[in-house]
Every structure is written in structure tokens, then in C-alpha cells.
Amino acid sequence: MDVASIDELAADLLAKAVSAESGRSSVTVYSRAGARLRQTLTALAAGRVMGEHKSPGDASVHCLRGRVLVRAGDTQVELGPGDLVAVPPQRHDVEALEASVLLLTVALH
């Protein structure tokens, strides 16, 4: 089994996101051929938006650092450190209200 230090990865990704032109950085922390689960650590600089998209399966967003706004249709929710939300199966976006790190978990069908 491989152990990933999420805190170390989060700090590294956040530094990269803040200095990147795109304002984001990410790394897949779990996935393998044939897996039905994918987990991605994503960092967003303050004010950046992960544009509207649809998840390929059931998904959740776990905010590890910062504050983000998750919007889906007419619904929105603000997440802070430790907050987790199931993402509805519709188009959605995520906006970083401050420099933030998220763990995105997707169940692949």
C-alpha cells in the first residue's frame, strides 16, 4: 500500500496554484486501471473558478483548506476546512473564495 501525505501535497499544490497563470494545480492521488474510484487533490488560487462541468459519476468535494463556493443550477453552498458535500449529478462549478485545496472523489461507472 502506498501512503500519500495529503498535507504535504496540499501545501505544494497551493504554492503552485498561486504562482501558476491558470491559478490552479492538481494531482491524482488515487486511480488505477479498471478502478471505479478516482481521487484528485486540487488547489485553486483565490478568485479562480473551476469552470462549469459535469462529473463522470457520483462525486463529492471535501474542502481541506480555504473556502469555496460550489454551484449547481440554482443551488449553491459554501465550504470551509473539513466540509464535505455530495455533488449533484448536473453541471456545476467551484469558485475559490480564498486560496483553497479540495479533495475531489469520483465514483466511476
C-alpha atoms as a PDB file:
ATOM      1  CA  MET A   1       0.000   0.000   0.000  1.00  0.00           C
ATOM      2  CA  ASP A   2       1.184   3.488  -0.837  1.00  0.00           C
ATOM      3  CA  VAL A   3       0.663   6.249   1.712  1.00  0.00           C
ATOM      4  CA  ALA A   4       0.208   9.809   0.468  1.00  0.00           C
ATOM      5  CA  SER A   5       0.837  12.773   2.752  1.00  0.00           C
ATOM      6  CA  ILE A   6      -2.161  14.890   1.818  1.00  0.00           C
ATOM      7  CA  ASP A   7      -0.976  17.816   3.973  1.00  0.00           C
ATOM      8  CA  GLU A   8       2.384  17.954   2.182  1.00  0.00           C
ATOM      9  CA  LEU A   9       0.756  17.589  -1.242  1.00  0.00           C
ATOM     10  CA  ALA A  10      -1.790  20.292  -0.374  1.00  0.00           C
ATOM     11  CA  ALA A  11       0.917  22.778   0.607  1.00  0.00           C
ATOM     12  CA  ASP A  12       2.903  22.042  -2.559  1.00  0.00           C
ATOM     13  CA  LEU A  13      -0.145  22.299  -4.842  1.00  0.00           C
ATOM     14  CA  LEU A  14      -1.315  25.526  -3.236  1.00  0.00           C
ATOM     15  CA  ALA A  15       2.095  27.131  -3.789  1.00  0.00           C
ATOM     16  CA  LYS A  16       1.993  26.009  -7.439  1.00  0.00           C
ATOM     17  CA  ALA A  17      -1.580  27.241  -7.949  1.00  0.00           C
ATOM     18  CA  VAL A  18      -0.872  30.683  -6.516  1.00  0.00           C
ATOM     19  CA  SER A  19       2.119  31.146  -8.841  1.00  0.00           C
ATOM     20  CA  ALA A  20       0.562  29.492 -11.925  1.00  0.00           C
ATOM     21  CA  GLU A  21      -1.001  31.593 -14.667  1.00  0.00           C
ATOM     22  CA  SER A  22      -4.064  29.308 -14.571  1.00  0.00           C
ATOM     23  CA  GLY A  23      -4.409  29.734 -10.814  1.00  0.00           C
ATOM     24  CA  ARG A  24      -4.794  26.008 -10.275  1.00  0.00           C
ATOM     25  CA  SER A  25      -2.814  22.856  -9.753  1.00  0.00           C
ATOM     26  CA  SER A  26      -3.886  19.263  -9.227  1.00  0.00           C
ATOM     27  CA  VAL A  27      -2.656  15.716  -8.815  1.00  0.00           C
ATOM     28  CA  THR A  28      -4.493  12.404  -8.871  1.00  0.00           C
ATOM     29  CA  VAL A  29      -3.872  10.738  -5.515  1.00  0.00           C
ATOM     30  CA  TYR A  30      -5.797   7.539  -6.270  1.00  0.00           C
ATOM     31  CA  SER A  31      -6.635   5.825  -9.529  1.00  0.00           C
ATOM     32  CA  ARG A  32      -5.627   2.680 -11.326  1.00  0.00           C
ATOM     33  CA  ALA A  33      -6.610   0.788 -14.472  1.00  0.00           C
ATOM     34  CA  GLY A  34     -10.107  -0.600 -14.033  1.00  0.00           C
ATOM     35  CA  ALA A  35     -10.718   1.291 -10.790  1.00  0.00           C
ATOM     36  CA  ARG A  36     -14.199   2.544 -10.025  1.00  0.00           C
ATOM     37  CA  LEU A  37     -12.906   5.365  -7.851  1.00  0.00           C
ATOM     38  CA  ARG A  38     -10.712   8.376  -8.571  1.00  0.00           C
ATOM     39  CA  GLN A  39      -9.474  10.929  -6.052  1.00  0.00           C
ATOM     40  CA  THR A  40      -7.859  14.182  -7.117  1.00  0.00           C
ATOM     41  CA  LEU A  41      -6.304  16.844  -4.941  1.00  0.00           C
ATOM     42  CA  THR A  42      -6.890  20.275  -6.474  1.00  0.00           C
ATOM     43  CA  ALA A  43      -5.637  23.686  -5.389  1.00  0.00           C
ATOM     44  CA  LEU A  44      -7.177  26.953  -6.571  1.00  0.00           C
ATOM     45  CA  ALA A  45      -5.829  30.464  -6.049  1.00  0.00           C
ATOM     46  CA  ALA A  46      -8.266  32.976  -4.561  1.00  0.00           C
ATOM     47  CA  GLY A  47     -10.882  34.135  -7.053  1.00  0.00           C
ATOM     48  CA  ARG A  48     -10.283  31.303  -9.531  1.00  0.00           C
ATOM     49  CA  VAL A  49     -13.127  29.179 -10.857  1.00  0.00           C
ATOM     50  CA  MET A  50     -13.109  25.561 -11.875  1.00  0.00           C
ATOM     51  CA  GLY A  51     -15.445  26.131 -14.820  1.00  0.00           C
ATOM     52  CA  GLU A  52     -18.820  24.536 -15.236  1.00  0.00           C
ATOM     53  CA  HIS A  53     -18.579  20.806 -15.895  1.00  0.00           C
ATOM     54  CA  LYS A  54     -20.400  17.553 -15.215  1.00  0.00           C
ATOM     55  CA  SER A  55     -18.951  14.713 -13.174  1.00  0.00           C
ATOM     56  CA  PRO A  56     -18.470  11.319 -14.860  1.00  0.00           C
ATOM     57  CA  GLY A  57     -20.096   9.662 -11.826  1.00  0.00           C
ATOM     58  CA  ASP A  58     -21.201  10.189  -8.237  1.00  0.00           C
ATOM     59  CA  ALA A  59     -18.856  12.712  -6.681  1.00  0.00           C
ATOM     60  CA  SER A  60     -18.007  14.643  -3.554  1.00  0.00           C
ATOM     61  CA  VAL A  61     -15.947  17.727  -2.747  1.00  0.00           C
ATOM     62  CA  HIS A  62     -14.059  17.811   0.558  1.00  0.00           C
ATOM     63  CA  CYS A  63     -12.585  21.224   1.376  1.00  0.00           C
ATOM     64  CA  LEU A  64      -9.238  20.799   3.130  1.00  0.00           C
ATOM     65  CA  ARG A  65      -8.049  24.429   3.170  1.00  0.00           C
ATOM     66  CA  GLY A  66      -9.593  27.795   2.357  1.00  0.00           C
ATOM     67  CA  ARG A  67     -13.197  28.489   1.362  1.00  0.00           C
ATOM     68  CA  VAL A  68     -15.007  27.604  -1.855  1.00  0.00           C
ATOM     69  CA  LEU A  69     -18.435  28.076  -3.365  1.00  0.00           C
ATOM     70  CA  VAL A  70     -19.924  25.048  -5.154  1.00  0.00           C
ATOM     71  CA  ARG A  71     -22.762  25.979  -7.542  1.00  0.00           C
ATOM     72  CA  ALA A  72     -25.131  23.599  -9.314  1.00  0.00           C
ATOM     73  CA  GLY A  73     -28.144  25.035 -11.116  1.00  0.00           C
ATOM     74  CA  ASP A  74     -29.965  27.394  -8.729  1.00  0.00           C
ATOM     75  CA  THR A  75     -28.264  25.884  -5.671  1.00  0.00           C
ATOM     76  CA  GLN A  76     -25.001  26.918  -4.082  1.00  0.00           C
ATOM     77  CA  VAL A  77     -23.142  26.001  -0.910  1.00  0.00           C
ATOM     78  CA  GLU A  78     -20.063  27.477   0.742  1.00  0.00           C
ATOM     79  CA  LEU A  79     -17.490  25.035   2.108  1.00  0.00           C
ATOM     80  CA  GLY A  80     -14.709  25.646   4.590  1.00  0.00           C
ATOM     81  CA  PRO A  81     -11.985  23.406   6.016  1.00  0.00           C
ATOM     82  CA  GLY A  82     -13.408  19.994   6.896  1.00  0.00           C
ATOM     83  CA  ASP A  83     -16.689  20.475   4.991  1.00  0.00           C
ATOM     84  CA  LEU A  84     -17.831  17.806   2.537  1.00  0.00           C
ATOM     85  CA  VAL A  85     -20.656  17.948   0.003  1.00  0.00           C
ATOM     86  CA  ALA A  86     -22.046  15.400  -2.421  1.00  0.00           C
ATOM     87  CA  VAL A  87     -22.068  16.954  -5.884  1.00  0.00           C
ATOM     88  CA  PRO A  88     -25.442  16.733  -7.614  1.00  0.00           C
ATOM     89  CA  PRO A  89     -25.498  14.869 -10.945  1.00  0.00           C
ATOM     90  CA  GLN A  90     -25.733  18.051 -13.010  1.00  0.00           C
ATOM     91  CA  ARG A  91     -23.419  20.713 -14.370  1.00  0.00           C
ATOM     92  CA  HIS A  92     -21.644  22.607 -11.608  1.00  0.00           C
ATOM     93  CA  ASP A  93     -18.670  24.860 -10.912  1.00  0.00           C
ATOM     94  CA  VAL A  94     -16.390  25.627  -7.976  1.00  0.00           C
ATOM     95  CA  GLU A  95     -15.110  29.099  -7.081  1.00  0.00           C
ATOM     96  CA  ALA A  96     -12.269  29.682  -4.625  1.00  0.00           C
ATOM     97  CA  LEU A  97     -13.300  32.479  -2.272  1.00  0.00           C
ATOM     98  CA  GLU A  98      -9.751  32.290  -0.897  1.00  0.00           C
ATOM     99  CA  ALA A  99      -6.751  30.123  -1.741  1.00  0.00           C
ATOM    100  CA  SER A 100      -8.138  26.608  -1.316  1.00  0.00           C
ATOM    101  CA  VAL A 101      -7.359  22.901  -1.540  1.00  0.00           C
ATOM    102  CA  LEU A 102     -10.038  20.315  -2.312  1.00  0.00           C
ATOM    103  CA  LEU A 103     -10.154  16.554  -2.410  1.00  0.00           C
ATOM    104  CA  LEU A 104     -12.428  15.550  -5.283  1.00  0.00           C
ATOM    105  CA  THR A 105     -13.718  11.994  -5.160  1.00  0.00           C
ATOM    106  CA  VAL A 106     -15.498  10.459  -8.144  1.00  0.00           C
ATOM    107  CA  ALA A 107     -17.109   7.026  -8.400  1.00  0.00           C
ATOM    108  CA  LEU A 108     -16.634   5.947 -11.992  1.00  0.00           C
ATOM    109  CA  HIS A 109     -19.399   3.906 -13.600  1.00  0.00           C
END
